[in-house]
């Protein structure tokens, strides 16, 4: 059951991050889920040492969703920087 919740929470976090970073048109459902799950790992790596909090996308919680969202925004920001350097 945890992987189903991870897919749903990861998809929501990735979708919200893609809206904030103006990448919603270039991403589909699959990539929203991938970005959300990887964003959760990034968010936990950043928030854990700095703030002392952690959250998992395998168990639905508001903390886990927020951490996944912040991590997904960081991930999409890095992707935007890499793509802009490659285009120019």
N, C-alpha and C. Protein backbone atom coordinates (compact mmCIF):
# COMPACT_ATOMS: atom_id res chain seq x y z
N UNK A 1 0.82 -1.20 0.00
CA UNK A 1 0.00 0.00 0.00
C UNK A 1 0.86 1.26 0.00
N UNK A 2 2.08 1.17 0.57
CA UNK A 2 2.95 2.34 0.65
C UNK A 2 3.38 2.86 -0.70
N UNK A 3 3.59 1.98 -1.66
CA UNK A 3 4.03 2.44 -2.98
C UNK A 3 2.91 3.15 -3.72
N UNK A 4 1.65 2.79 -3.47
CA UNK A 4 0.53 3.50 -4.10
C UNK A 4 0.45 4.92 -3.55
N UNK A 5 0.60 5.05 -2.24
CA UNK A 5 0.59 6.38 -1.63
C UNK A 5 1.78 7.19 -2.12
N UNK A 6 2.95 6.55 -2.28
CA UNK A 6 4.13 7.25 -2.78
C UNK A 6 3.89 7.77 -4.19
N UNK A 7 3.22 7.00 -5.03
CA UNK A 7 2.91 7.45 -6.39
C UNK A 7 1.96 8.64 -6.37
N UNK A 8 0.95 8.59 -5.52
CA UNK A 8 -0.03 9.67 -5.46
C UNK A 8 0.59 10.95 -4.89
N UNK A 9 1.27 10.83 -3.75
CA UNK A 9 1.89 12.00 -3.11
C UNK A 9 3.01 12.55 -3.99
N UNK A 10 3.82 11.67 -4.58
CA UNK A 10 4.87 12.11 -5.50
C UNK A 10 4.30 12.83 -6.70
N UNK A 11 3.20 12.31 -7.23
CA UNK A 11 2.56 12.97 -8.38
C UNK A 11 2.02 14.34 -8.04
N UNK A 12 1.41 14.46 -6.87
CA UNK A 12 0.88 15.76 -6.44
C UNK A 12 2.02 16.75 -6.21
N UNK A 13 3.07 16.32 -5.52
CA UNK A 13 4.21 17.21 -5.24
C UNK A 13 4.90 17.62 -6.54
N UNK A 14 5.09 16.68 -7.45
CA UNK A 14 5.72 17.00 -8.74
C UNK A 14 4.87 17.93 -9.58
N UNK A 15 3.56 17.71 -9.55
CA UNK A 15 2.66 18.57 -10.32
C UNK A 15 2.65 20.00 -9.78
N UNK A 16 2.56 20.13 -8.45
CA UNK A 16 2.58 21.47 -7.84
C UNK A 16 3.91 22.18 -8.13
N UNK A 17 5.01 21.44 -8.04
CA UNK A 17 6.31 22.04 -8.32
C UNK A 17 6.42 22.46 -9.78
N UNK A 18 5.87 21.65 -10.69
CA UNK A 18 5.93 22.01 -12.11
C UNK A 18 5.08 23.25 -12.40
N UNK A 19 4.00 23.44 -11.66
CA UNK A 19 3.20 24.66 -11.82
C UNK A 19 3.97 25.88 -11.34
N UNK A 20 4.63 25.75 -10.19
CA UNK A 20 5.39 26.86 -9.62
C UNK A 20 6.57 27.23 -10.52
N UNK A 21 7.23 26.22 -11.11
CA UNK A 21 8.42 26.46 -11.93
C UNK A 21 8.10 26.63 -13.41
N UNK A 22 6.82 26.77 -13.77
CA UNK A 22 6.38 26.98 -15.16
C UNK A 22 6.87 25.89 -16.10
N UNK A 23 6.80 24.63 -15.68
CA UNK A 23 7.20 23.51 -16.52
C UNK A 23 6.05 22.54 -16.72
N UNK A 24 4.85 22.94 -16.38
CA UNK A 24 3.71 22.04 -16.42
C UNK A 24 3.40 21.56 -17.84
N UNK A 25 3.58 22.41 -18.82
CA UNK A 25 3.27 22.04 -20.20
C UNK A 25 4.24 21.01 -20.75
N UNK A 26 5.47 20.97 -20.24
CA UNK A 26 6.48 20.06 -20.78
C UNK A 26 6.58 18.75 -20.03
N UNK A 27 5.76 18.57 -19.00
CA UNK A 27 5.84 17.36 -18.18
C UNK A 27 4.51 16.62 -18.22
N UNK A 28 4.58 15.31 -18.20
CA UNK A 28 3.38 14.50 -18.12
C UNK A 28 3.23 13.92 -16.72
N UNK A 29 2.25 13.06 -16.56
CA UNK A 29 1.97 12.46 -15.26
C UNK A 29 3.17 11.65 -14.77
N UNK A 30 3.76 10.87 -15.65
CA UNK A 30 4.90 10.03 -15.26
C UNK A 30 6.03 10.87 -14.71
N UNK A 31 6.39 11.95 -15.40
CA UNK A 31 7.51 12.78 -14.94
C UNK A 31 7.16 13.56 -13.70
N UNK A 32 5.88 13.92 -13.51
CA UNK A 32 5.48 14.55 -12.26
C UNK A 32 5.71 13.62 -11.09
N UNK A 33 5.37 12.34 -11.26
CA UNK A 33 5.58 11.37 -10.20
C UNK A 33 7.07 11.19 -9.92
N UNK A 34 7.87 11.07 -10.98
CA UNK A 34 9.31 10.89 -10.81
C UNK A 34 9.92 12.10 -10.11
N UNK A 35 9.55 13.30 -10.54
CA UNK A 35 10.08 14.52 -9.92
C UNK A 35 9.65 14.61 -8.46
N UNK A 36 8.42 14.23 -8.16
CA UNK A 36 7.94 14.27 -6.78
C UNK A 36 8.67 13.30 -5.87
N UNK A 37 8.93 12.08 -6.36
CA UNK A 37 9.61 11.08 -5.54
C UNK A 37 11.08 11.45 -5.34
N UNK A 38 11.75 11.87 -6.42
CA UNK A 38 13.15 12.31 -6.29
C UNK A 38 13.21 13.58 -5.44
N UNK A 39 12.22 14.45 -5.62
CA UNK A 39 12.14 15.66 -4.80
C UNK A 39 11.99 15.35 -3.33
N UNK A 40 11.29 14.28 -3.01
CA UNK A 40 11.16 13.87 -1.61
C UNK A 40 12.52 13.49 -1.03
N UNK A 41 13.31 12.78 -1.82
CA UNK A 41 14.65 12.40 -1.36
C UNK A 41 15.52 13.63 -1.18
N UNK A 42 15.47 14.56 -2.12
CA UNK A 42 16.24 15.80 -2.03
C UNK A 42 15.76 16.63 -0.83
N UNK A 43 14.45 16.74 -0.68
CA UNK A 43 13.89 17.51 0.43
C UNK A 43 14.29 16.95 1.78
N UNK A 44 14.28 15.62 1.91
CA UNK A 44 14.70 15.00 3.16
C UNK A 44 16.19 15.20 3.40
N UNK A 45 16.99 15.19 2.34
CA UNK A 45 18.43 15.40 2.48
C UNK A 45 18.73 16.84 2.92
N UNK A 46 17.91 17.78 2.49
CA UNK A 46 18.12 19.19 2.84
C UNK A 46 17.47 19.51 4.18
N UNK A 47 16.22 19.12 4.37
CA UNK A 47 15.47 19.50 5.57
C UNK A 47 15.93 18.74 6.80
N UNK A 48 16.38 17.51 6.62
CA UNK A 48 16.81 16.71 7.77
C UNK A 48 17.93 17.36 8.55
N UNK A 49 19.08 17.60 7.91
CA UNK A 49 20.20 18.21 8.65
C UNK A 49 19.95 19.67 9.05
N UNK A 50 19.26 20.43 8.20
CA UNK A 50 19.08 21.85 8.49
C UNK A 50 17.99 22.11 9.53
N UNK A 51 16.87 21.44 9.39
CA UNK A 51 15.72 21.72 10.26
C UNK A 51 15.40 20.61 11.25
N UNK A 52 15.99 19.46 11.05
CA UNK A 52 15.72 18.34 11.94
C UNK A 52 14.38 17.67 11.73
N UNK A 53 13.79 17.86 10.54
CA UNK A 53 12.50 17.23 10.25
C UNK A 53 12.66 16.32 9.05
N UNK A 54 11.78 15.36 8.94
CA UNK A 54 11.78 14.48 7.79
C UNK A 54 10.36 14.03 7.53
N UNK A 55 10.11 13.62 6.30
CA UNK A 55 8.79 13.13 5.93
C UNK A 55 8.92 12.14 4.80
N UNK A 56 8.03 11.22 4.75
CA UNK A 56 8.07 10.17 3.74
C UNK A 56 6.86 10.30 2.83
N UNK A 57 7.05 9.98 1.57
CA UNK A 57 5.91 9.96 0.66
C UNK A 57 5.20 8.62 0.73
N UNK A 58 5.74 7.66 1.47
CA UNK A 58 5.10 6.36 1.58
C UNK A 58 3.96 6.37 2.60
N UNK A 59 3.97 7.32 3.47
CA UNK A 59 2.87 7.50 4.42
C UNK A 59 2.38 8.93 4.24
N UNK A 60 1.13 9.09 3.92
CA UNK A 60 0.64 10.43 3.63
C UNK A 60 0.67 11.29 4.88
N UNK A 61 1.37 12.39 4.80
CA UNK A 61 1.37 13.40 5.85
C UNK A 61 1.63 14.75 5.17
N UNK A 62 1.16 15.79 5.81
CA UNK A 62 1.36 17.13 5.26
C UNK A 62 2.85 17.47 5.24
N UNK A 63 3.58 17.05 6.25
CA UNK A 63 5.02 17.30 6.30
C UNK A 63 5.72 16.63 5.13
N UNK A 64 5.37 15.38 4.86
CA UNK A 64 5.98 14.65 3.74
C UNK A 64 5.67 15.31 2.40
N UNK A 65 4.43 15.79 2.24
CA UNK A 65 4.05 16.47 1.00
C UNK A 65 4.81 17.77 0.83
N UNK A 66 4.94 18.54 1.89
CA UNK A 66 5.67 19.82 1.82
C UNK A 66 7.14 19.59 1.52
N UNK A 67 7.74 18.62 2.18
CA UNK A 67 9.15 18.31 1.94
C UNK A 67 9.37 17.83 0.51
N UNK A 68 8.47 16.99 0.01
CA UNK A 68 8.57 16.52 -1.37
C UNK A 68 8.40 17.67 -2.35
N UNK A 69 7.48 18.59 -2.05
CA UNK A 69 7.26 19.76 -2.91
C UNK A 69 8.49 20.65 -2.96
N UNK A 70 9.07 20.95 -1.81
CA UNK A 70 10.27 21.79 -1.76
C UNK A 70 11.43 21.13 -2.50
N UNK A 71 11.61 19.84 -2.28
CA UNK A 71 12.67 19.11 -2.98
C UNK A 71 12.44 19.07 -4.49
N UNK A 72 11.17 18.94 -4.91
CA UNK A 72 10.85 18.93 -6.34
C UNK A 72 11.11 20.30 -6.96
N UNK A 73 10.83 21.37 -6.23
CA UNK A 73 11.13 22.72 -6.73
C UNK A 73 12.64 22.89 -6.89
N UNK A 74 13.41 22.40 -5.92
CA UNK A 74 14.87 22.46 -6.02
C UNK A 74 15.35 21.68 -7.23
N UNK A 75 14.80 20.47 -7.43
CA UNK A 75 15.18 19.64 -8.57
C UNK A 75 14.85 20.32 -9.89
N UNK A 76 13.67 20.89 -10.02
CA UNK A 76 13.30 21.56 -11.27
C UNK A 76 14.11 22.83 -11.48
N UNK A 77 14.50 23.51 -10.40
CA UNK A 77 15.38 24.67 -10.53
C UNK A 77 16.73 24.28 -11.09
N UNK A 78 17.27 23.16 -10.62
CA UNK A 78 18.55 22.66 -11.14
C UNK A 78 18.41 22.27 -12.61
N UNK A 79 17.31 21.59 -12.94
CA UNK A 79 17.07 21.19 -14.34
C UNK A 79 16.96 22.43 -15.23
N UNK A 80 16.26 23.46 -14.77
CA UNK A 80 16.14 24.70 -15.54
C UNK A 80 17.51 25.34 -15.78
N UNK A 81 18.36 25.36 -14.75
CA UNK A 81 19.69 25.95 -14.90
C UNK A 81 20.52 25.17 -15.91
N UNK A 82 20.47 23.85 -15.84
CA UNK A 82 21.26 23.02 -16.76
C UNK A 82 20.76 23.18 -18.18
N UNK A 83 19.45 23.20 -18.38
CA UNK A 83 18.91 23.32 -19.73
C UNK A 83 19.18 24.70 -20.32
N UNK A 84 19.15 25.74 -19.53
CA UNK A 84 19.42 27.08 -20.06
C UNK A 84 20.88 27.24 -20.46
N UNK A 85 21.78 26.62 -19.73
CA UNK A 85 23.19 26.69 -20.10
C UNK A 85 23.46 25.92 -21.37
N UNK A 86 22.76 24.81 -21.57
CA UNK A 86 22.98 23.99 -22.75
C UNK A 86 22.39 24.65 -24.00
N UNK A 87 21.29 25.38 -23.86
CA UNK A 87 20.67 26.03 -25.00
C UNK A 87 21.52 27.17 -25.51
N UNK A 88 22.11 27.93 -24.62
CA UNK A 88 22.87 29.13 -25.02
C UNK A 88 24.19 28.80 -25.55
